[in-house]
């Protein structure tokens, strides 16, 4: 299993309950596909470096997880189709 990190930015218009639902959805995708979550860091609402779709803030979440090499592709596919996300990035951590 490889170590990965995913950082994603949720649109700022959502309330806390909706943010928890988005975080739960992606945590479920990781665990359902054989991954195990090491740590979830909720950075909260922060200012973006530049406006994206006329938004200047976003809700940041960083998740560290272990998974097989196929899981990041599946995770990115689901993130690409979710309109509640502004940006996302999955990276492999070197051991």
C-alpha atoms as a PDB file:
ATOM      1  CA  UNK A   1       0.000   0.000   0.000  1.00  0.00           C
ATOM      2  CA  UNK A   2       1.152   3.514  -0.805  1.00  0.00           C
ATOM      3  CA  UNK A   3       0.760   6.653   1.274  1.00  0.00           C
ATOM      4  CA  UNK A   4      -1.288   9.489  -0.242  1.00  0.00           C
ATOM      5  CA  UNK A   5      -2.596  12.909   0.675  1.00  0.00           C
ATOM      6  CA  UNK A   6      -5.623  14.628  -0.778  1.00  0.00           C
ATOM      7  CA  UNK A   7      -6.289  18.321  -0.304  1.00  0.00           C
ATOM      8  CA  UNK A   8      -9.651  19.592  -1.433  1.00  0.00           C
ATOM      9  CA  UNK A   9     -11.449  22.935  -1.232  1.00  0.00           C
ATOM     10  CA  UNK A  10     -15.203  22.972  -0.665  1.00  0.00           C
ATOM     11  CA  UNK A  11     -17.321  25.888  -1.868  1.00  0.00           C
ATOM     12  CA  UNK A  12     -17.811  28.435   0.959  1.00  0.00           C
ATOM     13  CA  UNK A  13     -21.603  28.755   0.639  1.00  0.00           C
ATOM     14  CA  UNK A  14     -22.239  25.396   2.340  1.00  0.00           C
ATOM     15  CA  UNK A  15     -23.093  25.191   6.036  1.00  0.00           C
ATOM     16  CA  UNK A  16     -21.274  22.991   8.576  1.00  0.00           C
ATOM     17  CA  UNK A  17     -23.658  20.068   8.104  1.00  0.00           C
ATOM     18  CA  UNK A  18     -23.143  20.071   4.324  1.00  0.00           C
ATOM     19  CA  UNK A  19     -19.357  20.309   4.780  1.00  0.00           C
ATOM     20  CA  UNK A  20     -19.477  17.254   7.058  1.00  0.00           C
ATOM     21  CA  UNK A  21     -21.515  15.413   4.412  1.00  0.00           C
ATOM     22  CA  UNK A  22     -18.901  16.167   1.728  1.00  0.00           C
ATOM     23  CA  UNK A  23     -16.050  15.058   4.007  1.00  0.00           C
ATOM     24  CA  UNK A  24     -17.968  11.895   4.919  1.00  0.00           C
ATOM     25  CA  UNK A  25     -18.611  11.084   1.265  1.00  0.00           C
ATOM     26  CA  UNK A  26     -14.924  11.123   0.365  1.00  0.00           C
ATOM     27  CA  UNK A  27     -13.905   9.298   3.543  1.00  0.00           C
ATOM     28  CA  UNK A  28     -16.422   6.575   2.638  1.00  0.00           C
ATOM     29  CA  UNK A  29     -15.000   6.307  -0.885  1.00  0.00           C
ATOM     30  CA  UNK A  30     -11.509   5.797   0.539  1.00  0.00           C
ATOM     31  CA  UNK A  31     -12.549   3.131   3.051  1.00  0.00           C
ATOM     32  CA  UNK A  32     -14.966   1.363   0.664  1.00  0.00           C
ATOM     33  CA  UNK A  33     -12.152   0.857  -1.869  1.00  0.00           C
ATOM     34  CA  UNK A  34      -9.746  -0.728   0.616  1.00  0.00           C
ATOM     35  CA  UNK A  35      -7.940   2.381   1.847  1.00  0.00           C
ATOM     36  CA  UNK A  36      -7.375   3.380   5.436  1.00  0.00           C
ATOM     37  CA  UNK A  37      -7.441   6.979   6.628  1.00  0.00           C
ATOM     38  CA  UNK A  38      -4.508   7.995   8.828  1.00  0.00           C
ATOM     39  CA  UNK A  39      -5.434  11.580   9.596  1.00  0.00           C
ATOM     40  CA  UNK A  40      -7.973  14.225   8.604  1.00  0.00           C
ATOM     41  CA  UNK A  41      -7.020  17.882   9.063  1.00  0.00           C
ATOM     42  CA  UNK A  42      -9.850  20.369   8.720  1.00  0.00           C
ATOM     43  CA  UNK A  43      -8.237  23.734   8.014  1.00  0.00           C
ATOM     44  CA  UNK A  44     -11.567  25.514   7.816  1.00  0.00           C
ATOM     45  CA  UNK A  45     -12.526  28.552   5.776  1.00  0.00           C
ATOM     46  CA  UNK A  46      -9.545  30.381   4.267  1.00  0.00           C
ATOM     47  CA  UNK A  47      -8.963  32.987   1.630  1.00  0.00           C
ATOM     48  CA  UNK A  48      -8.008  31.699  -1.824  1.00  0.00           C
ATOM     49  CA  UNK A  49      -4.815  32.938  -3.468  1.00  0.00           C
ATOM     50  CA  UNK A  50      -6.858  34.069  -6.481  1.00  0.00           C
ATOM     51  CA  UNK A  51     -10.587  34.096  -7.276  1.00  0.00           C
ATOM     52  CA  UNK A  52     -12.015  30.857  -8.683  1.00  0.00           C
ATOM     53  CA  UNK A  53     -15.488  31.126 -10.257  1.00  0.00           C
ATOM     54  CA  UNK A  54     -15.868  34.520  -8.539  1.00  0.00           C
ATOM     55  CA  UNK A  55     -15.253  32.931  -5.112  1.00  0.00           C
ATOM     56  CA  UNK A  56     -12.537  34.362  -2.860  1.00  0.00           C
ATOM     57  CA  UNK A  57     -12.834  31.872   0.038  1.00  0.00           C
ATOM     58  CA  UNK A  58     -12.992  28.108   0.418  1.00  0.00           C
ATOM     59  CA  UNK A  59     -13.255  25.419   3.103  1.00  0.00           C
ATOM     60  CA  UNK A  60      -9.989  23.421   3.114  1.00  0.00           C
ATOM     61  CA  UNK A  61      -9.649  19.736   4.120  1.00  0.00           C
ATOM     62  CA  UNK A  62      -6.446  17.636   4.095  1.00  0.00           C
ATOM     63  CA  UNK A  63      -6.696  13.831   4.354  1.00  0.00           C
ATOM     64  CA  UNK A  64      -3.718  11.455   4.688  1.00  0.00           C
ATOM     65  CA  UNK A  65      -4.459   7.834   3.775  1.00  0.00           C
ATOM     66  CA  UNK A  66      -2.935   4.507   2.730  1.00  0.00           C
ATOM     67  CA  UNK A  67      -4.304   2.788  -0.348  1.00  0.00           C
ATOM     68  CA  UNK A  68      -3.641   0.659  -3.391  1.00  0.00           C
ATOM     69  CA  UNK A  69      -2.476   2.490  -6.544  1.00  0.00           C
ATOM     70  CA  UNK A  70      -5.935   2.268  -8.165  1.00  0.00           C
ATOM     71  CA  UNK A  71      -7.753   4.249  -5.460  1.00  0.00           C
ATOM     72  CA  UNK A  72      -6.466   7.774  -6.278  1.00  0.00           C
ATOM     73  CA  UNK A  73      -7.878   7.513  -9.795  1.00  0.00           C
ATOM     74  CA  UNK A  74     -11.304   6.508  -8.446  1.00  0.00           C
ATOM     75  CA  UNK A  75     -11.167   9.296  -5.842  1.00  0.00           C
ATOM     76  CA  UNK A  76     -10.268  11.919  -8.454  1.00  0.00           C
ATOM     77  CA  UNK A  77     -13.098  10.689 -10.704  1.00  0.00           C
ATOM     78  CA  UNK A  78     -15.609  11.221  -7.901  1.00  0.00           C
ATOM     79  CA  UNK A  79     -14.138  14.608  -6.991  1.00  0.00           C
ATOM     80  CA  UNK A  80     -14.263  15.781 -10.592  1.00  0.00           C
ATOM     81  CA  UNK A  81     -18.015  15.051 -10.694  1.00  0.00           C
ATOM     82  CA  UNK A  82     -18.844  16.803  -7.400  1.00  0.00           C
ATOM     83  CA  UNK A  83     -19.947  20.404  -7.970  1.00  0.00           C
ATOM     84  CA  UNK A  84     -19.438  21.298  -4.295  1.00  0.00           C
ATOM     85  CA  UNK A  85     -15.641  21.197  -4.738  1.00  0.00           C
ATOM     86  CA  UNK A  86     -13.663  24.137  -6.070  1.00  0.00           C
ATOM     87  CA  UNK A  87     -10.279  22.385  -6.361  1.00  0.00           C
ATOM     88  CA  UNK A  88      -8.643  19.094  -5.328  1.00  0.00           C
ATOM     89  CA  UNK A  89      -5.225  17.458  -5.532  1.00  0.00           C
ATOM     90  CA  UNK A  90      -4.168  13.908  -4.719  1.00  0.00           C
ATOM     91  CA  UNK A  91      -0.438  13.343  -4.204  1.00  0.00           C
ATOM     92  CA  UNK A  92       1.644  10.298  -3.282  1.00  0.00           C
ATOM     93  CA  UNK A  93       3.921  10.748  -0.290  1.00  0.00           C
ATOM     94  CA  UNK A  94       7.399   9.287  -0.506  1.00  0.00           C
ATOM     95  CA  UNK A  95       8.200   6.760   2.218  1.00  0.00           C
END
